[in-house]
PDB file of N, CA and C in Angstrom:
ATOM      1  N   UNK A   1       8.462 -14.228  10.675  1.00  0.00           N
ATOM      2  CA  UNK A   1       7.482 -13.410  11.347  1.00  0.00           C
ATOM      3  C   UNK A   1       6.472 -14.345  12.014  1.00  0.00           C
ATOM      4  N   UNK A   2       6.231 -14.172  13.302  1.00  0.00           N
ATOM      5  CA  UNK A   2       5.321 -15.068  14.000  1.00  0.00           C
ATOM      6  C   UNK A   2       3.866 -14.846  13.592  1.00  0.00           C
ATOM      7  N   UNK A   3       3.086 -15.892  13.706  1.00  0.00           N
ATOM      8  CA  UNK A   3       1.651 -15.830  13.430  1.00  0.00           C
ATOM      9  C   UNK A   3       0.938 -15.635  14.755  1.00  0.00           C
ATOM     10  N   UNK A   4       0.025 -14.670  14.794  1.00  0.00           N
ATOM     11  CA  UNK A   4      -0.721 -14.383  16.007  1.00  0.00           C
ATOM     12  C   UNK A   4      -2.197 -14.627  15.742  1.00  0.00           C
ATOM     13  N   UNK A   5      -2.829 -15.358  16.616  1.00  0.00           N
ATOM     14  CA  UNK A   5      -4.266 -15.617  16.483  1.00  0.00           C
ATOM     15  C   UNK A   5      -5.007 -14.716  17.460  1.00  0.00           C
ATOM     16  N   UNK A   6      -6.120 -14.176  17.000  1.00  0.00           N
ATOM     17  CA  UNK A   6      -6.933 -13.279  17.820  1.00  0.00           C
ATOM     18  C   UNK A   6      -8.308 -13.886  18.011  1.00  0.00           C
ATOM     19  N   UNK A   7      -8.910 -13.573  19.151  1.00  0.00           N
ATOM     20  CA  UNK A   7     -10.243 -14.086  19.429  1.00  0.00           C
ATOM     21  C   UNK A   7     -11.335 -13.136  18.973  1.00  0.00           C
ATOM     22  N   UNK A   8     -10.958 -11.877  18.706  1.00  0.00           N
ATOM     23  CA  UNK A   8     -11.947 -10.913  18.232  1.00  0.00           C
ATOM     24  C   UNK A   8     -11.269  -9.865  17.353  1.00  0.00           C
ATOM     25  N   UNK A   9     -12.067  -9.139  16.600  1.00  0.00           N
ATOM     26  CA  UNK A   9     -11.526  -8.067  15.768  1.00  0.00           C
ATOM     27  C   UNK A   9     -10.958  -6.939  16.618  1.00  0.00           C
ATOM     28  N   UNK A  10     -11.536  -6.713  17.776  1.00  0.00           N
ATOM     29  CA  UNK A  10     -11.016  -5.668  18.664  1.00  0.00           C
ATOM     30  C   UNK A  10      -9.593  -5.996  19.127  1.00  0.00           C
ATOM     31  N   UNK A  11      -9.334  -7.263  19.427  1.00  0.00           N
ATOM     32  CA  UNK A  11      -7.976  -7.666  19.810  1.00  0.00           C
ATOM     33  C   UNK A  11      -6.998  -7.427  18.667  1.00  0.00           C
ATOM     34  N   UNK A  12      -7.439  -7.736  17.447  1.00  0.00           N
ATOM     35  CA  UNK A  12      -6.581  -7.534  16.273  1.00  0.00           C
ATOM     36  C   UNK A  12      -6.310  -6.045  16.055  1.00  0.00           C
ATOM     37  N   UNK A  13      -7.327  -5.212  16.212  1.00  0.00           N
ATOM     38  CA  UNK A  13      -7.140  -3.756  16.048  1.00  0.00           C
ATOM     39  C   UNK A  13      -6.165  -3.212  17.079  1.00  0.00           C
ATOM     40  N   UNK A  14      -6.288  -3.662  18.312  1.00  0.00           N
ATOM     41  CA  UNK A  14      -5.376  -3.198  19.370  1.00  0.00           C
ATOM     42  C   UNK A  14      -3.935  -3.620  19.078  1.00  0.00           C
ATOM     43  N   UNK A  15      -3.744  -4.774  18.459  1.00  0.00           N
ATOM     44  CA  UNK A  15      -2.397  -5.256  18.152  1.00  0.00           C
ATOM     45  C   UNK A  15      -1.731  -4.408  17.061  1.00  0.00           C
ATOM     46  N   UNK A  16      -2.525  -3.740  16.240  1.00  0.00           N
ATOM     47  CA  UNK A  16      -1.976  -2.898  15.176  1.00  0.00           C
ATOM     48  C   UNK A  16      -1.384  -1.602  15.710  1.00  0.00           C
ATOM     49  N   UNK A  17      -1.851  -1.161  16.849  1.00  0.00           N
ATOM     50  CA  UNK A  17      -1.404   0.111  17.403  1.00  0.00           C
ATOM     51  C   UNK A  17      -0.059  -0.064  18.094  1.00  0.00           C
ATOM     52  N   UNK A  18       0.924   0.728  17.671  1.00  0.00           N
ATOM     53  CA  UNK A  18       2.249   0.678  18.303  1.00  0.00           C
ATOM     54  C   UNK A  18       2.368   1.852  19.271  1.00  0.00           C
ATOM     55  N   UNK A  19       2.721   1.559  20.463  1.00  0.00           N
ATOM     56  CA  UNK A  19       2.910   2.603  21.469  1.00  0.00           C
ATOM     57  C   UNK A  19       4.222   3.336  21.180  1.00  0.00           C
ATOM     58  N   UNK A  20       4.294   4.650  21.401  1.00  0.00           N
ATOM     59  CA  UNK A  20       5.523   5.419  21.112  1.00  0.00           C
ATOM     60  C   UNK A  20       6.759   4.905  21.842  1.00  0.00           C
ATOM     61  N   UNK A  21       6.598   4.383  23.042  1.00  0.00           N
ATOM     62  CA  UNK A  21       7.744   3.904  23.812  1.00  0.00           C
ATOM     63  C   UNK A  21       7.889   2.389  23.749  1.00  0.00           C
ATOM     64  N   UNK A  22       7.255   1.760  22.776  1.00  0.00           N
ATOM     65  CA  UNK A  22       7.324   0.311  22.609  1.00  0.00           C
ATOM     66  C   UNK A  22       8.761  -0.099  22.296  1.00  0.00           C
ATOM     67  N   UNK A  23       9.341  -0.960  23.117  1.00  0.00           N
ATOM     68  CA  UNK A  23      10.734  -1.372  22.923  1.00  0.00           C
ATOM     69  C   UNK A  23      10.901  -2.264  21.701  1.00  0.00           C
ATOM     70  N   UNK A  24       9.830  -2.818  21.195  1.00  0.00           N
ATOM     71  CA  UNK A  24       9.905  -3.699  20.030  1.00  0.00           C
ATOM     72  C   UNK A  24       9.629  -2.962  18.720  1.00  0.00           C
ATOM     73  N   UNK A  25       9.352  -1.665  18.790  1.00  0.00           N
ATOM     74  CA  UNK A  25       8.994  -0.909  17.591  1.00  0.00           C
ATOM     75  C   UNK A  25      10.124  -0.898  16.564  1.00  0.00           C
ATOM     76  N   UNK A  26      11.345  -0.636  16.978  1.00  0.00           N
ATOM     77  CA  UNK A  26      12.476  -0.601  16.039  1.00  0.00           C
ATOM     78  C   UNK A  26      12.660  -1.960  15.365  1.00  0.00           C
ATOM     79  N   UNK A  27      12.516  -3.025  16.113  1.00  0.00           N
ATOM     80  CA  UNK A  27      12.646  -4.370  15.536  1.00  0.00           C
ATOM     81  C   UNK A  27      11.526  -4.638  14.538  1.00  0.00           C
ATOM     82  N   UNK A  28      10.325  -4.175  14.845  1.00  0.00           N
ATOM     83  CA  UNK A  28       9.198  -4.349  13.923  1.00  0.00           C
ATOM     84  C   UNK A  28       9.431  -3.592  12.628  1.00  0.00           C
ATOM     85  N   UNK A  29       9.960  -2.381  12.732  1.00  0.00           N
ATOM     86  CA  UNK A  29      10.241  -1.580  11.534  1.00  0.00           C
ATOM     87  C   UNK A  29      11.335  -2.245  10.701  1.00  0.00           C
ATOM     88  N   UNK A  30      12.416  -2.703  11.351  1.00  0.00           N
ATOM     89  CA  UNK A  30      13.490  -3.410  10.629  1.00  0.00           C
ATOM     90  C   UNK A  30      12.953  -4.650   9.926  1.00  0.00           C
ATOM     91  N   UNK A  31      12.090  -5.383  10.600  1.00  0.00           N
ATOM     92  CA  UNK A  31      11.507  -6.591  10.027  1.00  0.00           C
ATOM     93  C   UNK A  31      10.663  -6.248   8.795  1.00  0.00           C
ATOM     94  N   UNK A  32       9.880  -5.187   8.882  1.00  0.00           N
ATOM     95  CA  UNK A  32       9.046  -4.776   7.758  1.00  0.00           C
ATOM     96  C   UNK A  32       9.897  -4.372   6.558  1.00  0.00           C
ATOM     97  N   UNK A  33      10.946  -3.554   6.784  1.00  0.00           N
ATOM     98  CA  UNK A  33      11.810  -3.118   5.693  1.00  0.00           C
ATOM     99  C   UNK A  33      12.570  -4.298   5.098  1.00  0.00           C
ATOM    100  N   UNK A  34      12.996  -5.238   5.926  1.00  0.00           N
ATOM    101  CA  UNK A  34      13.683  -6.422   5.428  1.00  0.00           C
ATOM    102  C   UNK A  34      12.762  -7.251   4.539  1.00  0.00           C
ATOM    103  N   UNK A  35      11.525  -7.440   4.991  1.00  0.00           N
ATOM    104  CA  UNK A  35      10.543  -8.185   4.206  1.00  0.00           C
ATOM    105  C   UNK A  35      10.280  -7.484   2.876  1.00  0.00           C
ATOM    106  N   UNK A  36      10.119  -6.167   2.899  1.00  0.00           N
ATOM    107  CA  UNK A  36       9.847  -5.419   1.670  1.00  0.00           C
ATOM    108  C   UNK A  36      11.015  -5.520   0.693  1.00  0.00           C
ATOM    109  N   UNK A  37      12.243  -5.463   1.189  1.00  0.00           N
ATOM    110  CA  UNK A  37      13.396  -5.541   0.289  1.00  0.00           C
ATOM    111  C   UNK A  37      13.556  -6.938  -0.303  1.00  0.00           C
ATOM    112  N   UNK A  38      13.147  -7.968   0.425  1.00  0.00           N
ATOM    113  CA  UNK A  38      13.175  -9.319  -0.139  1.00  0.00           C
ATOM    114  C   UNK A  38      12.045  -9.506  -1.143  1.00  0.00           C
ATOM    115  N   UNK A  39      10.911  -8.898  -0.874  1.00  0.00           N
ATOM    116  CA  UNK A  39       9.749  -9.031  -1.752  1.00  0.00           C
ATOM    117  C   UNK A  39       9.991  -8.351  -3.093  1.00  0.00           C
ATOM    118  N   UNK A  40      10.517  -7.141  -3.068  1.00  0.00           N
ATOM    119  CA  UNK A  40      10.796  -6.372  -4.282  1.00  0.00           C
ATOM    120  C   UNK A  40      12.209  -5.811  -4.170  1.00  0.00           C
ATOM    121  N   UNK A  41      13.214  -6.591  -4.611  1.00  0.00           N
ATOM    122  CA  UNK A  41      14.587  -6.117  -4.481  1.00  0.00           C
ATOM    123  C   UNK A  41      14.877  -4.944  -5.402  1.00  0.00           C
ATOM    124  N   UNK A  42      15.890  -4.206  -5.075  1.00  0.00           N
ATOM    125  CA  UNK A  42      16.281  -3.057  -5.880  1.00  0.00           C
ATOM    126  C   UNK A  42      16.422  -1.833  -5.005  1.00  0.00           C
ATOM    127  N   UNK A  43      16.835  -0.767  -5.612  1.00  0.00           N
ATOM    128  CA  UNK A  43      17.047   0.461  -4.860  1.00  0.00           C
ATOM    129  C   UNK A  43      16.112   1.553  -5.351  1.00  0.00           C
ATOM    130  N   UNK A  44      15.787   2.444  -4.454  1.00  0.00           N
ATOM    131  CA  UNK A  44      15.013   3.620  -4.810  1.00  0.00           C
ATOM    132  C   UNK A  44      15.971   4.718  -5.232  1.00  0.00           C
ATOM    133  N   UNK A  45      15.486   5.692  -5.980  1.00  0.00           N
ATOM    134  CA  UNK A  45      16.365   6.805  -6.345  1.00  0.00           C
ATOM    135  C   UNK A  45      16.909   7.496  -5.099  1.00  0.00           C
ATOM    136  N   UNK A  46      18.193   7.854  -5.147  1.00  0.00           N
ATOM    137  CA  UNK A  46      18.819   8.519  -4.006  1.00  0.00           C
ATOM    138  C   UNK A  46      19.056   9.975  -4.337  1.00  0.00           C
ATOM    139  N   UNK A  47      19.124  10.771  -3.323  1.00  0.00           N
ATOM    140  CA  UNK A  47      19.475  12.171  -3.501  1.00  0.00           C
ATOM    141  C   UNK A  47      18.297  13.033  -3.919  1.00  0.00           C
ATOM    142  N   UNK A  48      18.640  14.218  -4.370  1.00  0.00           N
ATOM    143  CA  UNK A  48      17.644  15.205  -4.763  1.00  0.00           C
ATOM    144  C   UNK A  48      17.833  15.522  -6.234  1.00  0.00           C
ATOM    145  N   UNK A  49      16.759  15.528  -6.974  1.00  0.00           N
ATOM    146  CA  UNK A  49      16.813  15.882  -8.394  1.00  0.00           C
ATOM    147  C   UNK A  49      16.054  17.192  -8.590  1.00  0.00           C
ATOM    148  N   UNK A  50      16.586  18.044  -9.430  1.00  0.00           N
ATOM    149  CA  UNK A  50      15.952  19.330  -9.688  1.00  0.00           C
ATOM    150  C   UNK A  50      15.334  19.292 -11.074  1.00  0.00           C
ATOM    151  N   UNK A  51      14.106  19.731 -11.179  1.00  0.00           N
ATOM    152  CA  UNK A  51      13.387  19.742 -12.448  1.00  0.00           C
ATOM    153  C   UNK A  51      12.898  21.154 -12.734  1.00  0.00           C
ATOM    154  N   UNK A  52      12.782  21.471 -14.017  1.00  0.00           N
ATOM    155  CA  UNK A  52      12.338  22.804 -14.428  1.00  0.00           C
ATOM    156  C   UNK A  52      10.836  22.973 -14.199  1.00  0.00           C
ATOM    157  N   UNK A  53      10.079  21.858 -14.240  1.00  0.00           N
ATOM    158  CA  UNK A  53       8.631  21.954 -14.068  1.00  0.00           C
ATOM    159  C   UNK A  53       8.105  20.670 -13.439  1.00  0.00           C
ATOM    160  N   UNK A  54       6.881  20.730 -12.970  1.00  0.00           N
ATOM    161  CA  UNK A  54       6.245  19.547 -12.388  1.00  0.00           C
ATOM    162  C   UNK A  54       6.004  18.495 -13.465  1.00  0.00           C
ATOM    163  N   UNK A  55       5.755  18.948 -14.683  1.00  0.00           N
ATOM    164  CA  UNK A  55       5.549  18.010 -15.787  1.00  0.00           C
ATOM    165  C   UNK A  55       6.823  17.196 -16.043  1.00  0.00           C
ATOM    166  N   UNK A  56       7.978  17.860 -16.010  1.00  0.00           N
ATOM    167  CA  UNK A  56       9.261  17.181 -16.198  1.00  0.00           C
ATOM    168  C   UNK A  56       9.506  16.184 -15.057  1.00  0.00           C
ATOM    169  N   UNK A  57       9.194  16.577 -13.847  1.00  0.00           N
ATOM    170  CA  UNK A  57       9.358  15.685 -12.697  1.00  0.00           C
ATOM    171  C   UNK A  57       8.437  14.477 -12.825  1.00  0.00           C
ATOM    172  N   UNK A  58       7.202  14.696 -13.218  1.00  0.00           N
ATOM    173  CA  UNK A  58       6.253  13.599 -13.391  1.00  0.00           C
ATOM    174  C   UNK A  58       6.701  12.652 -14.498  1.00  0.00           C
ATOM    175  N   UNK A  59       7.241  13.211 -15.594  1.00  0.00           N
ATOM    176  CA  UNK A  59       7.726  12.380 -16.697  1.00  0.00           C
ATOM    177  C   UNK A  59       8.914  11.533 -16.251  1.00  0.00           C
ATOM    178  N   UNK A  60       9.827  12.109 -15.469  1.00  0.00           N
ATOM    179  CA  UNK A  60      10.982  11.354 -14.977  1.00  0.00           C
ATOM    180  C   UNK A  60      10.528  10.228 -14.053  1.00  0.00           C
ATOM    181  N   UNK A  61       9.550  10.513 -13.195  1.00  0.00           N
ATOM    182  CA  UNK A  61       9.046   9.472 -12.299  1.00  0.00           C
ATOM    183  C   UNK A  61       8.340   8.377 -13.090  1.00  0.00           C
ATOM    184  N   UNK A  62       7.545   8.746 -14.071  1.00  0.00           N
ATOM    185  CA  UNK A  62       6.846   7.752 -14.884  1.00  0.00           C
ATOM    186  C   UNK A  62       7.844   6.864 -15.619  1.00  0.00           C
ATOM    187  N   UNK A  63       8.930   7.455 -16.124  1.00  0.00           N
ATOM    188  CA  UNK A  63       9.960   6.669 -16.812  1.00  0.00           C
ATOM    189  C   UNK A  63      10.634   5.706 -15.842  1.00  0.00           C
ATOM    190  N   UNK A  64      10.922   6.161 -14.617  1.00  0.00           N
ATOM    191  CA  UNK A  64      11.538   5.293 -13.621  1.00  0.00           C
ATOM    192  C   UNK A  64      10.609   4.140 -13.265  1.00  0.00           C
ATOM    193  N   UNK A  65       9.326   4.432 -13.061  1.00  0.00           N
ATOM    194  CA  UNK A  65       8.354   3.398 -12.714  1.00  0.00           C
ATOM    195  C   UNK A  65       8.266   2.372 -13.844  1.00  0.00           C
ATOM    196  N   UNK A  66       8.272   2.845 -15.088  1.00  0.00           N
ATOM    197  CA  UNK A  66       8.193   1.942 -16.239  1.00  0.00           C
ATOM    198  C   UNK A  66       9.429   1.033 -16.297  1.00  0.00           C
ATOM    199  N   UNK A  67      10.628   1.614 -16.109  1.00  0.00           N
ATOM    200  CA  UNK A  67      11.852   0.809 -16.118  1.00  0.00           C
ATOM    201  C   UNK A  67      11.847  -0.205 -14.977  1.00  0.00           C
ATOM    202  N   UNK A  68      11.371   0.223 -13.824  1.00  0.00           N
ATOM    203  CA  UNK A  68      11.321  -0.647 -12.652  1.00  0.00           C
ATOM    204  C   UNK A  68      10.371  -1.813 -12.888  1.00  0.00           C
ATOM    205  N   UNK A  69       9.202  -1.532 -13.452  1.00  0.00           N
ATOM    206  CA  UNK A  69       8.218  -2.583 -13.726  1.00  0.00           C
ATOM    207  C   UNK A  69       8.763  -3.569 -14.753  1.00  0.00           C
ATOM    208  N   UNK A  70       9.435  -3.066 -15.785  1.00  0.00           N
ATOM    209  CA  UNK A  70      10.015  -3.945 -16.798  1.00  0.00           C
ATOM    210  C   UNK A  70      11.080  -4.845 -16.179  1.00  0.00           C
ATOM    211  N   UNK A  71      11.928  -4.294 -15.314  1.00  0.00           N
ATOM    212  CA  UNK A  71      12.974  -5.084 -14.665  1.00  0.00           C
ATOM    213  C   UNK A  71      12.360  -6.150 -13.766  1.00  0.00           C
ATOM    214  N   UNK A  72      11.306  -5.808 -13.038  1.00  0.00           N
ATOM    215  CA  UNK A  72      10.667  -6.785 -12.159  1.00  0.00           C
ATOM    216  C   UNK A  72       9.991  -7.883 -12.972  1.00  0.00           C
ATOM    217  N   UNK A  73       9.364  -7.511 -14.107  1.00  0.00           N
ATOM    218  CA  UNK A  73       8.744  -8.522 -14.959  1.00  0.00           C
ATOM    219  C   UNK A  73       9.788  -9.462 -15.545  1.00  0.00           C
ATOM    220  N   UNK A  74      10.967  -8.920 -15.854  1.00  0.00           N
ATOM    221  CA  UNK A  74      12.043  -9.729 -16.417  1.00  0.00           C
ATOM    222  C   UNK A  74      12.689 -10.620 -15.358  1.00  0.00           C
ATOM    223  N   UNK A  75      12.348 -10.377 -14.106  1.00  0.00           N
ATOM    224  CA  UNK A  75      12.864 -11.209 -13.030  1.00  0.00           C
ATOM    225  C   UNK A  75      14.162 -10.709 -12.434  1.00  0.00           C
ATOM    226  N   UNK A  76      14.597  -9.530 -12.802  1.00  0.00           N
ATOM    227  CA  UNK A  76      15.830  -8.987 -12.256  1.00  0.00           C
ATOM    228  C   UNK A  76      15.560  -7.727 -11.471  1.00  0.00           C
ATOM    229  N   UNK A  77      16.451  -7.437 -10.578  1.00  0.00           N
ATOM    230  CA  UNK A  77      16.338  -6.203  -9.800  1.00  0.00           C
ATOM    231  C   UNK A  77      17.161  -5.129 -10.486  1.00  0.00           C
ATOM    232  N   UNK A  78      16.691  -3.926 -10.450  1.00  0.00           N
ATOM    233  CA  UNK A  78      17.425  -2.807 -11.033  1.00  0.00           C
ATOM    234  C   UNK A  78      18.538  -2.401 -10.088  1.00  0.00           C
ATOM    235  N   UNK A  79      19.710  -2.184 -10.614  1.00  0.00           N
ATOM    236  CA  UNK A  79      20.815  -1.690  -9.799  1.00  0.00           C
ATOM    237  C   UNK A  79      20.855  -0.180  -9.833  1.00  0.00           C
ATOM    238  N   UNK A  80      20.750   0.399 -10.996  1.00  0.00           N
ATOM    239  CA  UNK A  80      20.777   1.851 -11.102  1.00  0.00           C
ATOM    240  C   UNK A  80      19.353   2.327 -11.318  1.00  0.00           C
ATOM    241  N   UNK A  81      18.766   2.907 -10.299  1.00  0.00           N
ATOM    242  CA  UNK A  81      17.367   3.291 -10.381  1.00  0.00           C
ATOM    243  C   UNK A  81      17.187   4.787 -10.329  1.00  0.00           C
ATOM    244  N   UNK A  82      18.259   5.515 -10.483  1.00  0.00           N
ATOM    245  CA  UNK A  82      18.181   6.964 -10.428  1.00  0.00           C
ATOM    246  C   UNK A  82      17.416   7.496 -11.624  1.00  0.00           C
ATOM    247  N   UNK A  83      16.391   8.339 -11.423  1.00  0.00           N
ATOM    248  CA  UNK A  83      15.645   8.861 -12.551  1.00  0.00           C
ATOM    249  C   UNK A  83      16.503   9.767 -13.412  1.00  0.00           C
ATOM    250  N   UNK A  84      16.289   9.661 -14.706  1.00  0.00           N
ATOM    251  CA  UNK A  84      17.033  10.507 -15.614  1.00  0.00           C
ATOM    252  C   UNK A  84      16.304  11.842 -15.745  1.00  0.00           C
ATOM    253  N   UNK A  85      17.069  12.916 -15.763  1.00  0.00           N
ATOM    254  CA  UNK A  85      16.476  14.231 -15.936  1.00  0.00           C
ATOM    255  C   UNK A  85      17.524  15.154 -16.528  1.00  0.00           C
ATOM    256  N   UNK A  86      17.049  16.214 -17.104  1.00  0.00           N
ATOM    257  CA  UNK A  86      17.990  17.187 -17.649  1.00  0.00           C
ATOM    258  C   UNK A  86      18.171  18.300 -16.640  1.00  0.00           C
ATOM    259  N   UNK A  87      19.417  18.672 -16.360  1.00  0.00           N
ATOM    260  CA  UNK A  87      19.649  19.739 -15.371  1.00  0.00           C
ATOM    261  C   UNK A  87      19.109  21.075 -15.877  1.00  0.00           C
ATOM    262  N   UNK A  88      18.632  21.870 -14.940  1.00  0.00           N
ATOM    263  CA  UNK A  88      18.102  23.178 -15.341  1.00  0.00           C
ATOM    264  C   UNK A  88      19.048  24.282 -14.956  1.00  0.00           C
TER     265      UNK A  88
END
């Protein structure tokens, strides 16, 4: 990722704004996602999970976050990151 120097804060603010028809926008998004996946490897839960209540959904998410944090602390990436839940 290139380093850009600005002469004022206004120049820096203008550089943050992406125009809707910017031809470099897709490349910028790909670069950001690539950087994020290298920074914190692993997969997010895929698909749709159905829960009987919001409390059950929150508990499943909290369990996933806890497992993910433990895996990152251990230095490994999680392969199976799908939250566990009981079907309703």
